[in-house]
N, C-alpha and C. Protein backbone atom coordinates (compact mmCIF):
# COMPACT_ATOMS: atom_id res chain seq x y z
N MET A 1 95.84 112.56 94.66
CA MET A 1 95.04 111.74 95.49
C MET A 1 93.67 111.66 94.84
N LYS A 2 93.10 110.50 94.89
CA LYS A 2 91.74 110.32 94.39
C LYS A 2 90.88 109.68 95.48
N LEU A 3 89.68 110.17 95.63
CA LEU A 3 88.72 109.64 96.59
C LEU A 3 87.48 109.20 95.84
N LEU A 4 86.93 108.09 96.23
CA LEU A 4 85.68 107.61 95.68
C LEU A 4 84.64 107.66 96.80
N LEU A 5 83.61 108.46 96.61
CA LEU A 5 82.61 108.68 97.65
C LEU A 5 81.22 108.28 97.16
N TRP A 6 80.39 107.81 98.06
CA TRP A 6 78.99 107.53 97.78
C TRP A 6 78.18 108.67 98.37
N ASP A 7 77.40 109.38 97.56
CA ASP A 7 76.61 110.51 98.06
C ASP A 7 75.13 110.18 98.26
N GLY A 8 74.79 108.91 98.18
CA GLY A 8 73.41 108.50 98.38
C GLY A 8 72.67 108.27 97.07
N THR A 9 73.15 108.89 96.00
CA THR A 9 72.52 108.71 94.69
C THR A 9 73.46 108.10 93.67
N GLY A 10 74.74 108.10 93.98
CA GLY A 10 75.74 107.55 93.06
C GLY A 10 77.13 107.80 93.59
N LEU A 11 78.12 107.35 92.83
CA LEU A 11 79.51 107.51 93.22
C LEU A 11 80.05 108.84 92.70
N VAL A 12 80.91 109.47 93.50
CA VAL A 12 81.55 110.72 93.14
C VAL A 12 83.05 110.48 93.18
N LEU A 13 83.76 110.85 92.12
CA LEU A 13 85.21 110.74 92.07
C LEU A 13 85.79 112.13 92.29
N VAL A 14 86.61 112.27 93.34
CA VAL A 14 87.24 113.54 93.68
C VAL A 14 88.74 113.38 93.46
N ALA A 15 89.36 114.32 92.76
CA ALA A 15 90.80 114.28 92.53
C ALA A 15 91.42 115.57 93.07
N LYS A 16 92.56 115.43 93.73
CA LYS A 16 93.25 116.59 94.30
C LYS A 16 94.73 116.46 94.00
N ARG A 17 95.34 117.53 93.48
CA ARG A 17 96.77 117.56 93.20
C ARG A 17 97.32 118.87 93.75
N LEU A 18 98.39 118.77 94.53
CA LEU A 18 99.02 119.96 95.07
C LEU A 18 100.03 120.49 94.06
N GLU A 19 100.07 121.80 93.85
CA GLU A 19 100.97 122.38 92.86
C GLU A 19 102.41 122.49 93.36
N LYS A 20 102.60 122.87 94.63
CA LYS A 20 103.94 123.21 95.09
C LYS A 20 104.56 122.19 96.03
N SER A 21 103.81 121.29 96.57
CA SER A 21 104.37 120.35 97.54
C SER A 21 103.73 118.99 97.34
N SER A 22 103.90 118.13 98.31
CA SER A 22 103.30 116.79 98.23
C SER A 22 102.48 116.53 99.49
N PHE A 23 101.61 115.56 99.40
CA PHE A 23 100.79 115.20 100.56
C PHE A 23 101.67 114.58 101.64
N ARG A 24 101.40 114.91 102.87
CA ARG A 24 102.11 114.32 104.00
C ARG A 24 101.17 113.32 104.65
N TRP A 25 101.44 112.05 104.41
CA TRP A 25 100.57 110.98 104.87
C TRP A 25 100.86 110.63 106.32
N PRO A 26 99.83 110.25 107.09
CA PRO A 26 100.05 109.78 108.46
C PRO A 26 100.74 108.42 108.45
N THR A 27 101.23 108.01 109.59
CA THR A 27 101.92 106.72 109.67
C THR A 27 100.94 105.57 109.46
N ILE A 28 101.48 104.48 108.96
CA ILE A 28 100.70 103.28 108.71
C ILE A 28 101.06 102.26 109.78
N SER A 29 100.05 101.74 110.48
CA SER A 29 100.30 100.69 111.47
C SER A 29 99.46 99.48 111.10
N ASP A 30 100.04 98.32 111.21
CA ASP A 30 99.37 97.06 110.87
C ASP A 30 98.88 97.03 109.43
N GLY A 31 99.57 97.77 108.55
CA GLY A 31 99.21 97.78 107.14
C GLY A 31 97.97 98.60 106.82
N VAL A 32 97.48 99.39 107.79
CA VAL A 32 96.25 100.16 107.60
C VAL A 32 96.51 101.62 107.96
N MET A 33 96.02 102.52 107.12
CA MET A 33 96.09 103.94 107.43
C MET A 33 94.69 104.39 107.83
N ARG A 34 94.55 104.84 109.05
CA ARG A 34 93.26 105.30 109.55
C ARG A 34 93.28 106.81 109.67
N LEU A 35 92.24 107.46 109.17
CA LEU A 35 92.14 108.91 109.22
C LEU A 35 90.82 109.32 109.86
N THR A 36 90.89 110.31 110.73
CA THR A 36 89.66 110.93 111.22
C THR A 36 89.20 111.93 110.16
N SER A 37 88.00 112.44 110.31
CA SER A 37 87.52 113.44 109.34
C SER A 37 88.38 114.70 109.39
N ALA A 38 88.87 115.06 110.58
CA ALA A 38 89.74 116.23 110.72
C ALA A 38 91.07 116.00 110.01
N GLN A 39 91.63 114.78 110.13
CA GLN A 39 92.88 114.46 109.45
C GLN A 39 92.70 114.47 107.94
N LEU A 40 91.58 113.94 107.46
CA LEU A 40 91.32 113.96 106.02
C LEU A 40 91.20 115.39 105.52
N SER A 41 90.53 116.24 106.27
CA SER A 41 90.41 117.65 105.89
C SER A 41 91.78 118.31 105.83
N ALA A 42 92.62 118.05 106.84
CA ALA A 42 93.97 118.62 106.86
C ALA A 42 94.79 118.11 105.69
N LEU A 43 94.66 116.83 105.37
CA LEU A 43 95.39 116.24 104.24
C LEU A 43 94.98 116.91 102.94
N LEU A 44 93.68 117.11 102.75
CA LEU A 44 93.19 117.73 101.52
C LEU A 44 93.57 119.21 101.44
N GLU A 45 93.77 119.85 102.59
CA GLU A 45 94.21 121.25 102.61
C GLU A 45 95.71 121.37 102.36
N GLY A 46 96.43 120.25 102.47
CA GLY A 46 97.88 120.28 102.28
C GLY A 46 98.64 120.66 103.53
N LEU A 47 98.00 120.56 104.70
CA LEU A 47 98.64 120.94 105.96
C LEU A 47 99.59 119.85 106.45
N ASP A 48 100.61 120.26 107.20
CA ASP A 48 101.54 119.31 107.81
C ASP A 48 100.87 118.63 109.00
N TRP A 49 101.33 117.44 109.33
CA TRP A 49 100.82 116.73 110.49
C TRP A 49 101.54 117.29 111.68
């Protein structure tokens, strides 16, 4: 997974790869995946939904 973030002074590229499993993405409705900050944190931690 790659994230592109603006930190106020420039863009930051963050990359995350899980060694033993895969990311579990939330469902997509209307062609859009919406995440709360808590869901994004859980996704980056590799937690199940």
